[in-house]
Each structure stands twice: as C-alpha cells, then as structure tokens.
Amino acid sequence: MRPNLKERPCKWCKTPYTPRTGLQSVCGITCALAQSKAKSAAVAQKEADRRHRERKLALKPRAKWLQEAQQAVNAWVRLRDSGPCISCQRHHDGQYHAGHYRSVGAMPSLRFNTWNIHKQCSACNNHLSGALIDYRVNLIHKIGQARVDWLEGPQETKSMDIWYLRRIKSVFAKRARHITRLRGIT
C-alpha cells in the first residue's frame, strides 16, 4: 500500500507535482537530470577551488609564513597575559605588544618560545628597547630563575621550514580562539 503523498513544488523547476515516493524531490526525469548535472558541476567547482587554494598556498614564500606565524603567536601572548606590562608593571589604555626578552635578531631559535614572549607596553618595547633590566626582574618573578637562566643560555638553532611555520600559526590561532571563547570577547 502506497502512502498518500501531498502535492509539492519541484525542487528544480518549482512546478507543483505529486511524488510517487517520499524521497522524490523533482517532478520528472528531465528535472532529475538537470539537478544531477548541476550537483556534479558544483562538486567539480569545489574541487577546482580546493586545487586553486592549494596552489596559492604552495606559492606563498617562507617569509610570509614566518610573518603570519609571528602574528598568531603575538596575538595569543597579548590574550594570555591579562596583567600589566612585563617591564614597567603599569596598566594603561595604550597599545600593547608581545615583547621578546631575547630579541629575534639575537636568538632566532627563541622566536616562538612562550617563556621568551610577554605582554609589553609599546613605550617599553619601542622607546626603551624592551626595558630589559626591569623585564628580567619581573620575568624571574613570573617564570622563575631556572627558566630565565635557560633562556639566557646557549640555544640550538631550529629549522623553521614552511610546514613548521604553518603548524605554529595553526596551533596559536586555535589557542587564541579558545581564550577568546572562554572570556566571551568578540
């Protein structure tokens, strides 16, 4: 016994029809073929878009990946450190940076090390060259003498290939989104 189905509009041509089964969504074979062609064209377009995105990513230079990874880490550090500037210990309405204790030029291997990067006001970071004496004193209070000694010691050089930089960007962007979600920041 067939269920008594109500008349409804065809999903393709919008003309009213009475379906033979509950799964029928178009009025006939013509509309079914047209809908099938449209769906396969949409799938092909999605695949072409995916290949285009992959080619575009492959052309992005390492320097661009390095910049994007650093931006993601810096954004996370500014969200992580909700307190005052690491150097001057002041709260103010000005701009905050993610200041490195050991500079990127002096120690590139510590560029993304989270012990080395802390929230710092723009005045201390730019105009006082990081205010390193105060930075060190407050850093010892924050992370401990052993970690500061490790930061000041010799470091192994790291190979920062594109895969590593993509991973850093992805991980820290995800961490920043998580903090933002927890704090309800829009």
C-alpha atoms as a PDB file:
ATOM      1  CA  MET A   1       0.000   0.000   0.000  1.00  0.00           C
ATOM      2  CA  ARG A   2       1.414   3.338  -1.109  1.00  0.00           C
ATOM      3  CA  PRO A   3       1.286   6.308   1.295  1.00  0.00           C
ATOM      4  CA  ASN A   4      -0.959   9.149   0.265  1.00  0.00           C
ATOM      5  CA  LEU A   5       1.549  11.961  -0.518  1.00  0.00           C
ATOM      6  CA  LYS A   6       0.608  15.607  -0.842  1.00  0.00           C
ATOM      7  CA  GLU A   7       1.339  17.779  -3.829  1.00  0.00           C
ATOM      8  CA  ARG A   8       4.514  19.874  -3.512  1.00  0.00           C
ATOM      9  CA  PRO A   9       6.704  22.062  -5.736  1.00  0.00           C
ATOM     10  CA  CYS A  10       9.556  20.533  -7.743  1.00  0.00           C
ATOM     11  CA  LYS A  11      12.949  21.467  -6.256  1.00  0.00           C
ATOM     12  CA  TRP A  12      14.294  22.204  -9.723  1.00  0.00           C
ATOM     13  CA  CYS A  13      11.537  23.824 -11.819  1.00  0.00           C
ATOM     14  CA  LYS A  14       9.151  24.799  -8.992  1.00  0.00           C
ATOM     15  CA  THR A  15       6.055  23.382 -10.742  1.00  0.00           C
ATOM     16  CA  PRO A  16       3.644  21.518  -8.447  1.00  0.00           C
ATOM     17  CA  TYR A  17       3.584  17.693  -8.692  1.00  0.00           C
ATOM     18  CA  THR A  18       2.513  14.704  -6.641  1.00  0.00           C
ATOM     19  CA  PRO A  19       5.507  12.484  -5.743  1.00  0.00           C
ATOM     20  CA  ARG A  20       5.379   8.707  -6.223  1.00  0.00           C
ATOM     21  CA  THR A  21       7.627   8.076  -3.184  1.00  0.00           C
ATOM     22  CA  GLY A  22       8.535  10.047  -0.092  1.00  0.00           C
ATOM     23  CA  LEU A  23      12.114  10.515  -1.350  1.00  0.00           C
ATOM     24  CA  GLN A  24      11.223  12.032  -4.713  1.00  0.00           C
ATOM     25  CA  SER A  25      12.258  15.707  -4.841  1.00  0.00           C
ATOM     26  CA  VAL A  26      11.770  16.596  -8.526  1.00  0.00           C
ATOM     27  CA  CYS A  27       8.802  16.232 -10.839  1.00  0.00           C
ATOM     28  CA  GLY A  28      10.304  14.045 -13.552  1.00  0.00           C
ATOM     29  CA  ILE A  29      13.332  12.676 -15.385  1.00  0.00           C
ATOM     30  CA  THR A  30      14.150  15.991 -17.101  1.00  0.00           C
ATOM     31  CA  CYS A  31      14.411  17.859 -13.831  1.00  0.00           C
ATOM     32  CA  ALA A  32      16.298  14.947 -12.223  1.00  0.00           C
ATOM     33  CA  LEU A  33      18.939  15.034 -14.989  1.00  0.00           C
ATOM     34  CA  ALA A  34      19.249  18.821 -14.766  1.00  0.00           C
ATOM     35  CA  GLN A  35      19.587  18.676 -10.974  1.00  0.00           C
ATOM     36  CA  SER A  36      22.198  15.912 -11.255  1.00  0.00           C
ATOM     37  CA  LYS A  37      24.245  17.938 -13.768  1.00  0.00           C
ATOM     38  CA  ALA A  38      24.090  20.989 -11.515  1.00  0.00           C
ATOM     39  CA  LYS A  39      25.214  18.981  -8.478  1.00  0.00           C
ATOM     40  CA  SER A  40      28.139  17.418 -10.365  1.00  0.00           C
ATOM     41  CA  ALA A  41      29.134  20.872 -11.664  1.00  0.00           C
ATOM     42  CA  ALA A  42      29.072  22.196  -8.092  1.00  0.00           C
ATOM     43  CA  VAL A  43      31.265  19.302  -6.914  1.00  0.00           C
ATOM     44  CA  ALA A  44      33.691  19.933  -9.787  1.00  0.00           C
ATOM     45  CA  GLN A  45      33.822  23.645  -8.903  1.00  0.00           C
ATOM     46  CA  LYS A  46      34.547  22.847  -5.249  1.00  0.00           C
ATOM     47  CA  GLU A  47      37.393  20.571  -6.323  1.00  0.00           C
ATOM     48  CA  ALA A  48      38.786  23.263  -8.649  1.00  0.00           C
ATOM     49  CA  ASP A  49      38.586  25.816  -5.818  1.00  0.00           C
ATOM     50  CA  ARG A  50      40.395  23.426  -3.469  1.00  0.00           C
ATOM     51  CA  ARG A  51      43.186  22.858  -6.017  1.00  0.00           C
ATOM     52  CA  HIS A  52      43.451  26.622  -6.552  1.00  0.00           C
ATOM     53  CA  ARG A  53      43.799  27.234  -2.785  1.00  0.00           C
ATOM     54  CA  GLU A  54      46.497  24.554  -2.562  1.00  0.00           C
ATOM     55  CA  ARG A  55      48.451  26.070  -5.474  1.00  0.00           C
ATOM     56  CA  LYS A  56      48.134  29.509  -3.905  1.00  0.00           C
ATOM     57  CA  LEU A  57      49.456  28.204  -0.564  1.00  0.00           C
ATOM     58  CA  ALA A  58      52.349  26.491  -2.330  1.00  0.00           C
ATOM     59  CA  LEU A  59      53.364  29.816  -3.885  1.00  0.00           C
ATOM     60  CA  LYS A  60      53.376  31.706  -0.576  1.00  0.00           C
ATOM     61  CA  PRO A  61      57.009  32.403   0.389  1.00  0.00           C
ATOM     62  CA  ARG A  62      58.545  31.302   3.673  1.00  0.00           C
ATOM     63  CA  ALA A  63      58.845  34.935   4.815  1.00  0.00           C
ATOM     64  CA  LYS A  64      55.081  35.368   4.583  1.00  0.00           C
ATOM     65  CA  TRP A  65      54.514  32.185   6.625  1.00  0.00           C
ATOM     66  CA  LEU A  66      57.037  33.464   9.194  1.00  0.00           C
ATOM     67  CA  GLN A  67      55.187  36.783   9.457  1.00  0.00           C
ATOM     68  CA  GLU A  68      51.779  35.100   9.825  1.00  0.00           C
ATOM     69  CA  ALA A  69      53.077  32.663  12.452  1.00  0.00           C
ATOM     70  CA  GLN A  70      54.603  35.542  14.444  1.00  0.00           C
ATOM     71  CA  GLN A  71      51.313  37.463  14.270  1.00  0.00           C
ATOM     72  CA  ALA A  72      49.406  34.428  15.586  1.00  0.00           C
ATOM     73  CA  VAL A  73      51.855  33.930  18.473  1.00  0.00           C
ATOM     74  CA  ASN A  74      51.809  37.648  19.341  1.00  0.00           C
ATOM     75  CA  ALA A  75      48.004  37.753  19.364  1.00  0.00           C
ATOM     76  CA  TRP A  76      47.917  34.743  21.690  1.00  0.00           C
ATOM     77  CA  VAL A  77      50.513  36.295  24.047  1.00  0.00           C
ATOM     78  CA  ARG A  78      48.507  39.516  24.335  1.00  0.00           C
ATOM     79  CA  LEU A  79      45.416  37.460  25.212  1.00  0.00           C
ATOM     80  CA  ARG A  80      47.303  35.163  27.602  1.00  0.00           C
ATOM     81  CA  ASP A  81      48.897  37.969  29.623  1.00  0.00           C
ATOM     82  CA  SER A  82      45.947  39.853  31.049  1.00  0.00           C
ATOM     83  CA  GLY A  83      48.092  41.656  33.611  1.00  0.00           C
ATOM     84  CA  PRO A  84      50.256  44.754  33.300  1.00  0.00           C
ATOM     85  CA  CYS A  85      53.323  45.348  31.119  1.00  0.00           C
ATOM     86  CA  ILE A  86      56.121  42.895  31.989  1.00  0.00           C
ATOM     87  CA  SER A  87      58.688  45.712  32.194  1.00  0.00           C
ATOM     88  CA  CYS A  88      57.051  48.720  33.870  1.00  0.00           C
ATOM     89  CA  GLN A  89      54.195  46.834  35.616  1.00  0.00           C
ATOM     90  CA  ARG A  90      51.700  49.553  34.619  1.00  0.00           C
ATOM     91  CA  HIS A  91      48.167  49.160  33.287  1.00  0.00           C
ATOM     92  CA  HIS A  92      47.275  51.768  30.714  1.00  0.00           C
ATOM     93  CA  ASP A  93      44.957  52.278  27.770  1.00  0.00           C
ATOM     94  CA  GLY A  94      47.767  52.406  25.212  1.00  0.00           C
ATOM     95  CA  GLN A  95      48.875  49.778  22.761  1.00  0.00           C
ATOM     96  CA  TYR A  96      50.433  46.534  23.964  1.00  0.00           C
ATOM     97  CA  HIS A  97      52.979  44.449  22.099  1.00  0.00           C
ATOM     98  CA  ALA A  98      54.309  40.945  22.517  1.00  0.00           C
ATOM     99  CA  GLY A  99      57.837  41.790  23.632  1.00  0.00           C
ATOM    100  CA  HIS A 100      60.695  39.287  23.375  1.00  0.00           C
ATOM    101  CA  TYR A 101      63.172  39.033  26.254  1.00  0.00           C
ATOM    102  CA  ARG A 102      65.839  37.643  23.930  1.00  0.00           C
ATOM    103  CA  SER A 103      65.334  39.511  20.648  1.00  0.00           C
ATOM    104  CA  VAL A 104      64.548  37.675  17.436  1.00  0.00           C
ATOM    105  CA  GLY A 105      67.738  39.033  15.873  1.00  0.00           C
ATOM    106  CA  ALA A 106      69.909  37.863  18.761  1.00  0.00           C
ATOM    107  CA  MET A 107      68.275  34.469  19.227  1.00  0.00           C
ATOM    108  CA  PRO A 108      66.038  33.402  16.306  1.00  0.00           C
ATOM    109  CA  SER A 109      65.520  29.951  17.802  1.00  0.00           C
ATOM    110  CA  LEU A 110      63.545  31.528  20.690  1.00  0.00           C
ATOM    111  CA  ARG A 111      61.280  33.489  18.337  1.00  0.00           C
ATOM    112  CA  PHE A 112      58.180  31.408  19.198  1.00  0.00           C
ATOM    113  CA  ASN A 113      59.175  30.280  22.704  1.00  0.00           C
ATOM    114  CA  THR A 114      56.371  31.305  25.060  1.00  0.00           C
ATOM    115  CA  TRP A 115      58.734  31.809  28.009  1.00  0.00           C
ATOM    116  CA  ASN A 116      60.559  34.425  25.909  1.00  0.00           C
ATOM    117  CA  ILE A 117      57.496  36.461  24.860  1.00  0.00           C
ATOM    118  CA  HIS A 118      55.331  38.517  27.204  1.00  0.00           C
ATOM    119  CA  LYS A 119      52.858  41.397  27.026  1.00  0.00           C
ATOM    120  CA  GLN A 120      54.717  44.688  26.974  1.00  0.00           C
ATOM    121  CA  CYS A 121      53.539  48.264  26.509  1.00  0.00           C
ATOM    122  CA  SER A 122      54.620  49.987  23.318  1.00  0.00           C
ATOM    123  CA  ALA A 123      56.588  52.604  25.265  1.00  0.00           C
ATOM    124  CA  CYS A 124      58.788  49.976  26.924  1.00  0.00           C
ATOM    125  CA  ASN A 125      59.111  47.843  23.793  1.00  0.00           C
ATOM    126  CA  ASN A 126      59.811  50.586  21.234  1.00  0.00           C
ATOM    127  CA  HIS A 127      61.190  53.592  23.087  1.00  0.00           C
ATOM    128  CA  LEU A 128      63.099  51.837  25.866  1.00  0.00           C
ATOM    129  CA  SER A 129      64.342  48.949  23.669  1.00  0.00           C
ATOM    130  CA  GLY A 130      62.420  46.448  25.743  1.00  0.00           C
ATOM    131  CA  ALA A 131      63.481  47.876  29.156  1.00  0.00           C
ATOM    132  CA  LEU A 132      65.434  44.655  29.610  1.00  0.00           C
ATOM    133  CA  ILE A 133      66.613  45.183  33.194  1.00  0.00           C
ATOM    134  CA  ASP A 134      63.064  45.586  34.507  1.00  0.00           C
ATOM    135  CA  TYR A 135      61.887  42.882  32.076  1.00  0.00           C
ATOM    136  CA  ARG A 136      64.415  40.407  33.557  1.00  0.00           C
ATOM    137  CA  VAL A 137      63.489  41.192  37.169  1.00  0.00           C
ATOM    138  CA  ASN A 138      59.765  40.723  36.514  1.00  0.00           C
ATOM    139  CA  LEU A 139      60.392  37.700  34.288  1.00  0.00           C
ATOM    140  CA  ILE A 140      62.162  35.953  37.178  1.00  0.00           C
ATOM    141  CA  HIS A 141      59.076  36.579  39.341  1.00  0.00           C
ATOM    142  CA  LYS A 142      56.800  35.311  36.590  1.00  0.00           C
ATOM    143  CA  ILE A 143      58.539  32.163  35.264  1.00  0.00           C
ATOM    144  CA  GLY A 144      61.340  31.523  37.764  1.00  0.00           C
ATOM    145  CA  GLN A 145      65.130  31.821  37.821  1.00  0.00           C
ATOM    146  CA  ALA A 146      65.766  28.404  36.240  1.00  0.00           C
ATOM    147  CA  ARG A 147      63.763  29.222  33.118  1.00  0.00           C
ATOM    148  CA  VAL A 148      65.362  32.666  32.791  1.00  0.00           C
ATOM    149  CA  ASP A 149      68.800  31.013  33.051  1.00  0.00           C
ATOM    150  CA  TRP A 150      67.751  28.564  30.328  1.00  0.00           C
ATOM    151  CA  LEU A 151      66.623  31.457  28.101  1.00  0.00           C
ATOM    152  CA  GLU A 152      69.942  33.241  28.652  1.00  0.00           C
ATOM    153  CA  GLY A 153      71.981  30.110  27.950  1.00  0.00           C
ATOM    154  CA  PRO A 154      73.071  28.719  24.589  1.00  0.00           C
ATOM    155  CA  GLN A 155      70.266  27.509  22.332  1.00  0.00           C
ATOM    156  CA  GLU A 156      70.135  25.046  19.478  1.00  0.00           C
ATOM    157  CA  THR A 157      69.231  26.508  16.123  1.00  0.00           C
ATOM    158  CA  LYS A 158      65.891  25.330  14.804  1.00  0.00           C
ATOM    159  CA  SER A 159      64.971  24.667  11.237  1.00  0.00           C
ATOM    160  CA  MET A 160      61.818  26.679  10.616  1.00  0.00           C
ATOM    161  CA  ASP A 161      60.525  25.268   7.378  1.00  0.00           C
ATOM    162  CA  ILE A 162      57.120  26.137   5.935  1.00  0.00           C
ATOM    163  CA  TRP A 163      55.472  23.064   7.463  1.00  0.00           C
ATOM    164  CA  TYR A 164      56.691  24.092  10.956  1.00  0.00           C
ATOM    165  CA  LEU A 165      55.522  27.699  10.460  1.00  0.00           C
ATOM    166  CA  ARG A 166      52.087  26.562   9.254  1.00  0.00           C
ATOM    167  CA  ARG A 167      51.794  24.376  12.340  1.00  0.00           C
ATOM    168  CA  ILE A 168      52.819  27.227  14.694  1.00  0.00           C
ATOM    169  CA  LYS A 169      50.259  29.550  13.074  1.00  0.00           C
ATOM    170  CA  SER A 170      47.526  26.928  13.327  1.00  0.00           C
ATOM    171  CA  VAL A 171      48.215  25.998  16.959  1.00  0.00           C
ATOM    172  CA  PHE A 172      48.426  29.561  18.275  1.00  0.00           C
ATOM    173  CA  ALA A 173      45.407  30.763  16.280  1.00  0.00           C
ATOM    174  CA  LYS A 174      43.434  27.895  17.832  1.00  0.00           C
ATOM    175  CA  ARG A 175      44.696  28.801  21.318  1.00  0.00           C
ATOM    176  CA  ALA A 176      43.731  32.454  20.791  1.00  0.00           C
ATOM    177  CA  ARG A 177      40.230  31.454  19.652  1.00  0.00           C
ATOM    178  CA  HIS A 178      39.908  29.259  22.751  1.00  0.00           C
ATOM    179  CA  ILE A 179      40.878  32.100  25.120  1.00  0.00           C
ATOM    180  CA  THR A 180      38.562  34.469  23.269  1.00  0.00           C
ATOM    181  CA  ARG A 181      35.694  31.999  23.587  1.00  0.00           C
ATOM    182  CA  LEU A 182      36.360  31.467  27.298  1.00  0.00           C
ATOM    183  CA  ARG A 183      36.432  35.187  28.058  1.00  0.00           C
ATOM    184  CA  GLY A 184      33.482  35.988  25.817  1.00  0.00           C
ATOM    185  CA  ILE A 185      35.485  38.506  23.792  1.00  0.00           C
ATOM    186  CA  THR A 186      34.042  39.331  20.397  1.00  0.00           C
END
